[in-house]
Amino acid sequence: MAEQVILYDLRVGNYPNRRGDEFRSLQVHECRVCGAVTNRVVMGGAPGYGVRTICPQSHHHWHHELEAKVRALRGPPPKVI
């Protein structure tokens, strides 16, 4: 028999709120780097971080390279080309 998954609504605020808690949300989040979608939520590591969504593709090497390129594009252009 399949395990029943509880989906929490982040707007209501009744989700697990201790550091390291993992759960699934009704809301679906899209990675701003690669466009992958997930509803997996992890409560943040340091105080004040709160709800974090982790891209399901973030463990791949190409994701980190793509993230660095996106971050570089947000900054000022390089002075030497």
C-alpha atoms as a PDB file:
ATOM      1  CA  MET A   1       0.000   0.000   0.000  1.00  0.00           C
ATOM      2  CA  ALA A   2       1.286   3.450  -0.900  1.00  0.00           C
ATOM      3  CA  GLU A   3       2.276   5.835   1.856  1.00  0.00           C
ATOM      4  CA  GLN A   4      -0.136   8.725   2.293  1.00  0.00           C
ATOM      5  CA  VAL A   5       1.524  12.123   1.860  1.00  0.00           C
ATOM      6  CA  ILE A   6       0.186  15.148   3.713  1.00  0.00           C
ATOM      7  CA  LEU A   7       0.239  18.363   1.679  1.00  0.00           C
ATOM      8  CA  TYR A   8       0.542  21.574   3.707  1.00  0.00           C
ATOM      9  CA  ASP A   9      -0.741  24.947   2.557  1.00  0.00           C
ATOM     10  CA  LEU A  10       2.044  27.502   3.125  1.00  0.00           C
ATOM     11  CA  ARG A  11      -0.490  30.356   3.239  1.00  0.00           C
ATOM     12  CA  VAL A  12      -2.195  28.851   6.305  1.00  0.00           C
ATOM     13  CA  GLY A  13       1.006  28.354   8.301  1.00  0.00           C
ATOM     14  CA  ASN A  14       0.123  25.021   9.928  1.00  0.00           C
ATOM     15  CA  TYR A  15       3.172  23.216   8.504  1.00  0.00           C
ATOM     16  CA  PRO A  16       6.042  21.692  10.544  1.00  0.00           C
ATOM     17  CA  ASN A  17       8.296  24.548  11.629  1.00  0.00           C
ATOM     18  CA  ARG A  18      11.362  23.027  13.264  1.00  0.00           C
ATOM     19  CA  ARG A  19      14.768  23.274  11.637  1.00  0.00           C
ATOM     20  CA  GLY A  20      15.373  20.330   9.309  1.00  0.00           C
ATOM     21  CA  ASP A  21      11.691  19.375   8.929  1.00  0.00           C
ATOM     22  CA  GLU A  22      10.826  18.198   5.424  1.00  0.00           C
ATOM     23  CA  PHE A  23       7.339  18.193   3.962  1.00  0.00           C
ATOM     24  CA  ARG A  24       5.349  18.645   0.768  1.00  0.00           C
ATOM     25  CA  SER A  25       3.309  21.779   0.061  1.00  0.00           C
ATOM     26  CA  LEU A  26       0.228  22.477  -2.020  1.00  0.00           C
ATOM     27  CA  GLN A  27       2.180  25.236  -3.751  1.00  0.00           C
ATOM     28  CA  VAL A  28       4.559  24.238  -6.533  1.00  0.00           C
ATOM     29  CA  HIS A  29       7.850  26.140  -6.807  1.00  0.00           C
ATOM     30  CA  GLU A  30       9.899  26.616  -9.978  1.00  0.00           C
ATOM     31  CA  CYS A  31      13.697  26.766  -9.934  1.00  0.00           C
ATOM     32  CA  ARG A  32      14.813  30.152 -11.220  1.00  0.00           C
ATOM     33  CA  VAL A  33      17.953  28.594 -12.711  1.00  0.00           C
ATOM     34  CA  CYS A  34      16.748  25.537 -14.651  1.00  0.00           C
ATOM     35  CA  GLY A  35      12.947  25.698 -14.491  1.00  0.00           C
ATOM     36  CA  ALA A  36      12.431  22.382 -12.659  1.00  0.00           C
ATOM     37  CA  VAL A  37       9.349  22.278 -10.424  1.00  0.00           C
ATOM     38  CA  THR A  38       8.911  20.785  -6.955  1.00  0.00           C
ATOM     39  CA  ASN A  39       6.667  20.934  -3.930  1.00  0.00           C
ATOM     40  CA  ARG A  40       9.308  19.619  -1.506  1.00  0.00           C
ATOM     41  CA  VAL A  41       9.981  22.085   1.308  1.00  0.00           C
ATOM     42  CA  VAL A  42      12.742  22.059   3.938  1.00  0.00           C
ATOM     43  CA  MET A  43      12.752  24.330   6.958  1.00  0.00           C
ATOM     44  CA  GLY A  44      15.877  26.518   6.857  1.00  0.00           C
ATOM     45  CA  GLY A  45      19.162  25.869   8.566  1.00  0.00           C
ATOM     46  CA  ALA A  46      19.983  29.195  10.205  1.00  0.00           C
ATOM     47  CA  PRO A  47      17.418  31.146  12.238  1.00  0.00           C
ATOM     48  CA  GLY A  48      15.373  33.479  10.095  1.00  0.00           C
ATOM     49  CA  TYR A  49      15.617  31.506   6.853  1.00  0.00           C
ATOM     50  CA  GLY A  50      12.273  29.744   7.289  1.00  0.00           C
ATOM     51  CA  VAL A  51      10.835  27.867   4.314  1.00  0.00           C
ATOM     52  CA  ARG A  52      13.337  26.738   1.659  1.00  0.00           C
ATOM     53  CA  THR A  53      12.647  24.942  -1.580  1.00  0.00           C
ATOM     54  CA  ILE A  54      15.444  22.895  -3.069  1.00  0.00           C
ATOM     55  CA  CYS A  55      15.646  22.275  -6.804  1.00  0.00           C
ATOM     56  CA  PRO A  56      15.451  18.537  -7.545  1.00  0.00           C
ATOM     57  CA  GLN A  57      18.284  18.994 -10.074  1.00  0.00           C
ATOM     58  CA  SER A  58      20.630  20.910  -7.741  1.00  0.00           C
ATOM     59  CA  HIS A  59      22.838  17.886  -7.072  1.00  0.00           C
ATOM     60  CA  HIS A  60      23.988  17.796 -10.710  1.00  0.00           C
ATOM     61  CA  HIS A  61      27.244  19.503 -11.687  1.00  0.00           C
ATOM     62  CA  TRP A  62      25.652  21.278 -14.664  1.00  0.00           C
ATOM     63  CA  HIS A  63      23.147  22.973 -12.335  1.00  0.00           C
ATOM     64  CA  HIS A  64      25.934  24.665 -10.365  1.00  0.00           C
ATOM     65  CA  GLU A  65      27.623  25.849 -13.569  1.00  0.00           C
ATOM     66  CA  LEU A  66      24.335  27.215 -14.898  1.00  0.00           C
ATOM     67  CA  GLU A  67      23.647  28.944 -11.571  1.00  0.00           C
ATOM     68  CA  ALA A  68      27.072  30.647 -11.687  1.00  0.00           C
ATOM     69  CA  LYS A  69      26.371  31.893 -15.221  1.00  0.00           C
ATOM     70  CA  VAL A  70      22.949  33.250 -14.226  1.00  0.00           C
ATOM     71  CA  ARG A  71      24.524  35.004 -11.233  1.00  0.00           C
ATOM     72  CA  ALA A  72      27.234  36.518 -13.476  1.00  0.00           C
ATOM     73  CA  LEU A  73      24.608  37.829 -15.896  1.00  0.00           C
ATOM     74  CA  ARG A  74      22.841  39.663 -13.068  1.00  0.00           C
ATOM     75  CA  GLY A  75      25.965  41.623 -12.168  1.00  0.00           C
ATOM     76  CA  PRO A  76      27.762  44.376 -14.085  1.00  0.00           C
ATOM     77  CA  PRO A  77      29.436  43.371 -17.363  1.00  0.00           C
ATOM     78  CA  PRO A  78      33.129  42.447 -17.141  1.00  0.00           C
ATOM     79  CA  LYS A  79      35.552  45.308 -17.817  1.00  0.00           C
ATOM     80  CA  VAL A  80      37.837  43.123 -19.931  1.00  0.00           C
ATOM     81  CA  ILE A  81      36.329  40.919 -22.575  1.00  0.00           C
END
